PDB file of N, CA and C in Angstrom:
ATOM      1  N   MET A   1       0.848  -1.177   0.000  1.00  0.00           N
ATOM      2  CA  MET A   1       0.000   0.000   0.000  1.00  0.00           C
ATOM      3  C   MET A   1       0.894   1.241   0.000  1.00  0.00           C
ATOM      4  N   ASN A   2       0.672   2.115  -0.949  1.00  0.00           N
ATOM      5  CA  ASN A   2       1.464   3.329  -1.065  1.00  0.00           C
ATOM      6  C   ASN A   2       0.983   4.383  -0.083  1.00  0.00           C
ATOM      7  N   LYS A   3       1.932   5.186   0.387  1.00  0.00           N
ATOM      8  CA  LYS A   3       1.622   6.277   1.299  1.00  0.00           C
ATOM      9  C   LYS A   3       2.350   7.529   0.855  1.00  0.00           C
ATOM     10  N   ILE A   4       1.738   8.667   1.135  1.00  0.00           N
ATOM     11  CA  ILE A   4       2.328   9.961   0.827  1.00  0.00           C
ATOM     12  C   ILE A   4       2.417  10.742   2.132  1.00  0.00           C
ATOM     13  N   ALA A   5       3.549  11.381   2.369  1.00  0.00           N
ATOM     14  CA  ALA A   5       3.689  12.254   3.534  1.00  0.00           C
ATOM     15  C   ALA A   5       3.113  13.619   3.165  1.00  0.00           C
ATOM     16  N   ALA A   6       2.114  14.049   3.919  1.00  0.00           N
ATOM     17  CA  ALA A   6       1.456  15.326   3.649  1.00  0.00           C
ATOM     18  C   ALA A   6       1.424  16.152   4.922  1.00  0.00           C
ATOM     19  N   ARG A   7       1.622  17.448   4.774  1.00  0.00           N
ATOM     20  CA  ARG A   7       1.606  18.351   5.919  1.00  0.00           C
ATOM     21  C   ARG A   7       0.309  19.150   5.905  1.00  0.00           C
ATOM     22  N   CYS A   8      -0.348  19.195   7.075  1.00  0.00           N
ATOM     23  CA  CYS A   8      -1.595  19.944   7.218  1.00  0.00           C
ATOM     24  C   CYS A   8      -1.289  21.434   7.111  1.00  0.00           C
ATOM     25  N   ILE A   9      -2.102  22.137   6.354  1.00  0.00           N
ATOM     26  CA  ILE A   9      -1.867  23.552   6.139  1.00  0.00           C
ATOM     27  C   ILE A   9      -2.242  24.382   7.370  1.00  0.00           C
ATOM     28  N   MET A  10      -3.086  23.851   8.247  1.00  0.00           N
ATOM     29  CA  MET A  10      -3.539  24.618   9.412  1.00  0.00           C
ATOM     30  C   MET A  10      -2.699  24.361  10.661  1.00  0.00           C
ATOM     31  N   CYS A  11      -2.467  23.101  11.013  1.00  0.00           N
ATOM     32  CA  CYS A  11      -1.745  22.799  12.253  1.00  0.00           C
ATOM     33  C   CYS A  11      -0.268  22.505  12.022  1.00  0.00           C
ATOM     34  N   GLY A  12       0.114  22.150  10.806  1.00  0.00           N
ATOM     35  CA  GLY A  12       1.515  21.920  10.488  1.00  0.00           C
ATOM     36  C   GLY A  12       2.017  20.516  10.766  1.00  0.00           C
ATOM     37  N   LYS A  13       1.157  19.617  11.259  1.00  0.00           N
ATOM     38  CA  LYS A  13       1.587  18.250  11.529  1.00  0.00           C
ATOM     39  C   LYS A  13       1.726  17.477  10.221  1.00  0.00           C
ATOM     40  N   THR A  14       2.646  16.532  10.204  1.00  0.00           N
ATOM     41  CA  THR A  14       2.868  15.696   9.037  1.00  0.00           C
ATOM     42  C   THR A  14       2.122  14.389   9.217  1.00  0.00           C
ATOM     43  N   TYR A  15       1.389  13.992   8.199  1.00  0.00           N
ATOM     44  CA  TYR A  15       0.583  12.768   8.231  1.00  0.00           C
ATOM     45  C   TYR A  15       0.973  11.867   7.077  1.00  0.00           C
ATOM     46  N   GLU A  16       0.844  10.573   7.301  1.00  0.00           N
ATOM     47  CA  GLU A  16       1.017   9.574   6.258  1.00  0.00           C
ATOM     48  C   GLU A  16      -0.361   9.303   5.651  1.00  0.00           C
ATOM     49  N   VAL A  17      -0.552   9.680   4.412  1.00  0.00           N
ATOM     50  CA  VAL A  17      -1.834   9.509   3.734  1.00  0.00           C
ATOM     51  C   VAL A  17      -1.749   8.248   2.886  1.00  0.00           C
ATOM     52  N   ALA A  18      -2.594   7.260   3.204  1.00  0.00           N
ATOM     53  CA  ALA A  18      -2.592   5.983   2.491  1.00  0.00           C
ATOM     54  C   ALA A  18      -3.478   6.063   1.248  1.00  0.00           C
ATOM     55  N   GLU A  19      -3.417   5.013   0.440  1.00  0.00           N
ATOM     56  CA  GLU A  19      -4.181   4.973  -0.816  1.00  0.00           C
ATOM     57  C   GLU A  19      -5.687   5.030  -0.603  1.00  0.00           C
ATOM     58  N   ASP A  20      -6.178   4.536   0.524  1.00  0.00           N
ATOM     59  CA  ASP A  20      -7.618   4.499   0.746  1.00  0.00           C
ATOM     60  C   ASP A  20      -8.170   5.816   1.316  1.00  0.00           C
ATOM     61  N   HIS A  21      -7.331   6.803   1.545  1.00  0.00           N
ATOM     62  CA  HIS A  21      -7.782   8.108   2.058  1.00  0.00           C
ATOM     63  C   HIS A  21      -8.444   8.888   0.928  1.00  0.00           C
ATOM     64  N   LYS A  22      -9.423   9.720   1.271  1.00  0.00           N
ATOM     65  CA  LYS A  22     -10.180  10.456   0.257  1.00  0.00           C
ATOM     66  C   LYS A  22      -9.337  11.487  -0.484  1.00  0.00           C
ATOM     67  N   ASP A  23      -8.266  12.002   0.110  1.00  0.00           N
ATOM     68  CA  ASP A  23      -7.431  13.025  -0.524  1.00  0.00           C
ATOM     69  C   ASP A  23      -6.224  12.457  -1.264  1.00  0.00           C
ATOM     70  N   TYR A  24      -6.041  11.156  -1.246  1.00  0.00           N
ATOM     71  CA  TYR A  24      -4.864  10.557  -1.877  1.00  0.00           C
ATOM     72  C   TYR A  24      -4.765  10.853  -3.375  1.00  0.00           C
ATOM     73  N   PRO A  25      -5.845  10.703  -4.164  1.00  0.00           N
ATOM     74  CA  PRO A  25      -5.711  10.996  -5.604  1.00  0.00           C
ATOM     75  C   PRO A  25      -5.304  12.445  -5.870  1.00  0.00           C
ATOM     76  N   LYS A  26      -5.858  13.363  -5.107  1.00  0.00           N
ATOM     77  CA  LYS A  26      -5.531  14.779  -5.290  1.00  0.00           C
ATOM     78  C   LYS A  26      -4.066  15.044  -4.943  1.00  0.00           C
ATOM     79  N   LEU A  27      -3.583  14.448  -3.862  1.00  0.00           N
ATOM     80  CA  LEU A  27      -2.206  14.669  -3.432  1.00  0.00           C
ATOM     81  C   LEU A  27      -1.194  13.983  -4.347  1.00  0.00           C
ATOM     82  N   SER A  28      -1.563  12.853  -4.920  1.00  0.00           N
ATOM     83  CA  SER A  28      -0.626  12.143  -5.781  1.00  0.00           C
ATOM     84  C   SER A  28      -0.500  12.789  -7.161  1.00  0.00           C
ATOM     85  N   GLN A  29      -1.533  13.467  -7.619  1.00  0.00           N
ATOM     86  CA  GLN A  29      -1.488  14.074  -8.953  1.00  0.00           C
ATOM     87  C   GLN A  29      -0.884  15.477  -8.947  1.00  0.00           C
ATOM     88  N   ALA A  30      -1.275  16.302  -7.993  1.00  0.00           N
ATOM     89  CA  ALA A  30      -0.822  17.691  -7.968  1.00  0.00           C
ATOM     90  C   ALA A  30       0.325  17.860  -6.979  1.00  0.00           C
ATOM     91  N   LYS A  31       1.350  18.547  -7.416  1.00  0.00           N
ATOM     92  CA  LYS A  31       2.508  18.768  -6.556  1.00  0.00           C
ATOM     93  C   LYS A  31       2.210  19.813  -5.474  1.00  0.00           C
ATOM     94  N   ASP A  32       1.379  20.793  -5.782  1.00  0.00           N
ATOM     95  CA  ASP A  32       1.079  21.874  -4.849  1.00  0.00           C
ATOM     96  C   ASP A  32      -0.326  21.761  -4.251  1.00  0.00           C
ATOM     97  N   ALA A  33      -0.813  20.536  -4.064  1.00  0.00           N
ATOM     98  CA  ALA A  33      -2.151  20.316  -3.508  1.00  0.00           C
ATOM     99  C   ALA A  33      -2.163  20.658  -2.016  1.00  0.00           C
ATOM    100  N   VAL A  34      -3.292  21.165  -1.549  1.00  0.00           N
ATOM    101  CA  VAL A  34      -3.463  21.553  -0.147  1.00  0.00           C
ATOM    102  C   VAL A  34      -4.086  20.398   0.623  1.00  0.00           C
ATOM    103  N   PHE A  35      -3.532  20.125   1.810  1.00  0.00           N
ATOM    104  CA  PHE A  35      -4.042  19.054   2.661  1.00  0.00           C
ATOM    105  C   PHE A  35      -4.470  19.636   3.998  1.00  0.00           C
ATOM    106  N   VAL A  36      -5.694  19.312   4.437  1.00  0.00           N
ATOM    107  CA  VAL A  36      -6.199  19.689   5.752  1.00  0.00           C
ATOM    108  C   VAL A  36      -6.544  18.389   6.471  1.00  0.00           C
ATOM    109  N   CYS A  37      -5.967  18.191   7.649  1.00  0.00           N
ATOM    110  CA  CYS A  37      -6.192  16.946   8.384  1.00  0.00           C
ATOM    111  C   CYS A  37      -7.628  16.889   8.904  1.00  0.00           C
ATOM    112  N   ASP A  38      -8.036  15.706   9.313  1.00  0.00           N
ATOM    113  CA  ASP A  38      -9.411  15.503   9.784  1.00  0.00           C
ATOM    114  C   ASP A  38      -9.706  16.325  11.035  1.00  0.00           C
ATOM    115  N   ARG A  39      -8.739  16.415  11.932  1.00  0.00           N
ATOM    116  CA  ARG A  39      -8.946  17.162  13.176  1.00  0.00           C
ATOM    117  C   ARG A  39      -9.225  18.636  12.885  1.00  0.00           C
ATOM    118  N   CYS A  40      -8.426  19.250  12.038  1.00  0.00           N
ATOM    119  CA  CYS A  40      -8.633  20.659  11.688  1.00  0.00           C
ATOM    120  C   CYS A  40      -9.922  20.845  10.895  1.00  0.00           C
ATOM    121  N   ASN A  41     -10.247  19.882  10.041  1.00  0.00           N
ATOM    122  CA  ASN A  41     -11.477  19.944   9.263  1.00  0.00           C
ATOM    123  C   ASN A  41     -12.696  19.952  10.180  1.00  0.00           C
ATOM    124  N   TYR A  42     -12.709  19.055  11.178  1.00  0.00           N
ATOM    125  CA  TYR A  42     -13.826  19.001  12.109  1.00  0.00           C
ATOM    126  C   TYR A  42     -13.877  20.235  12.998  1.00  0.00           C
ATOM    127  N   LYS A  43     -12.721  20.760  13.354  1.00  0.00           N
ATOM    128  CA  LYS A  43     -12.661  21.957  14.193  1.00  0.00           C
ATOM    129  C   LYS A  43     -13.275  23.161  13.480  1.00  0.00           C
ATOM    130  N   VAL A  44     -12.931  23.356  12.231  1.00  0.00           N
ATOM    131  CA  VAL A  44     -13.473  24.470  11.451  1.00  0.00           C
ATOM    132  C   VAL A  44     -14.971  24.297  11.237  1.00  0.00           C
ATOM    133  N   ARG A  45     -15.408  23.074  10.968  1.00  0.00           N
ATOM    134  CA  ARG A  45     -16.829  22.814  10.788  1.00  0.00           C
ATOM    135  C   ARG A  45     -17.617  23.123  12.062  1.00  0.00           C
ATOM    136  N   TYR A  46     -17.094  22.703  13.225  1.00  0.00           N
ATOM    137  CA  TYR A  46     -17.760  22.953  14.499  1.00  0.00           C
ATOM    138  C   TYR A  46     -17.844  24.451  14.785  1.00  0.00           C
ATOM    139  N   GLU A  47     -16.757  25.169  14.577  1.00  0.00           N
ATOM    140  CA  GLU A  47     -16.748  26.609  14.832  1.00  0.00           C
ATOM    141  C   GLU A  47     -17.720  27.350  13.927  1.00  0.00           C
ATOM    142  N   SER A  48     -17.808  26.946  12.671  1.00  0.00           N
ATOM    143  CA  SER A  48     -18.733  27.627  11.761  1.00  0.00           C
ATOM    144  C   SER A  48     -20.187  27.327  12.104  1.00  0.00           C
ATOM    145  N   GLU A  49     -20.469  26.094  12.540  1.00  0.00           N
ATOM    146  CA  GLU A  49     -21.838  25.762  12.953  1.00  0.00           C
ATOM    147  C   GLU A  49     -22.222  26.508  14.225  1.00  0.00           C
ATOM    148  N   GLU A  50     -21.293  26.657  15.156  1.00  0.00           N
ATOM    149  CA  GLU A  50     -21.577  27.393  16.391  1.00  0.00           C
ATOM    150  C   GLU A  50     -21.800  28.876  16.105  1.00  0.00           C
ATOM    151  N   LYS A  51     -21.097  29.400  15.146  1.00  0.00           N
ATOM    152  CA  LYS A  51     -21.240  30.822  14.792  1.00  0.00           C
ATOM    153  C   LYS A  51     -22.605  31.093  14.155  1.00  0.00           C
ATOM    154  N   GLN A  52     -23.169  30.116  13.452  1.00  0.00           N
ATOM    155  CA  GLN A  52     -24.444  30.301  12.771  1.00  0.00           C
ATOM    156  C   GLN A  52     -25.648  30.120  13.679  1.00  0.00           C
ATOM    157  N   LYS A  53     -25.435  29.578  14.865  1.00  0.00           N
ATOM    158  CA  LYS A  53     -26.559  29.394  15.790  1.00  0.00           C
ATOM    159  C   LYS A  53     -27.052  30.750  16.285  1.00  0.00           C
ATOM    160  N   PRO A  54     -28.351  30.857  16.542  1.00  0.00           N
ATOM    161  CA  PRO A  54     -28.869  32.144  17.042  1.00  0.00           C
ATOM    162  C   PRO A  54     -28.338  32.423  18.452  1.00  0.00           C
ATOM    163  N   LYS A  55     -28.152  33.700  18.737  1.00  0.00           N
ATOM    164  CA  LYS A  55     -27.661  34.120  20.046  1.00  0.00           C
ATOM    165  C   LYS A  55     -28.760  33.963  21.086  1.00  0.00           C
ATOM    166  N   LYS A  56     -28.385  33.530  22.274  1.00  0.00           N
ATOM    167  CA  LYS A  56     -29.344  33.391  23.363  1.00  0.00           C
ATOM    168  C   LYS A  56     -29.553  34.765  24.025  1.00  0.00           C
ATOM    169  N   PRO A  57     -30.786  35.100  24.384  1.00  0.00           N
ATOM    170  CA  PRO A  57     -31.015  36.385  25.042  1.00  0.00           C
ATOM    171  C   PRO A  57     -30.439  36.370  26.458  1.00  0.00           C
ATOM    172  N   MET A  58     -30.014  37.515  26.898  1.00  0.00           N
ATOM    173  CA  MET A  58     -29.409  37.609  28.230  1.00  0.00           C
ATOM    174  C   MET A  58     -30.457  37.702  29.284  1.00  0.00           C
TER     175      MET A  58
END
């Protein structure tokens, strides 16, 4: 199984991306492809959903 070393653009950690990962085709074809790890992806999604919730009255 082939693996590619990819660095997350947000946190800077290096990850081994295997062939079965959803971003593997993009990373293997493009030299300057952007990779965002799952942790940062979920963090941004959570923050954006919390921002869209209505404010509670004081």
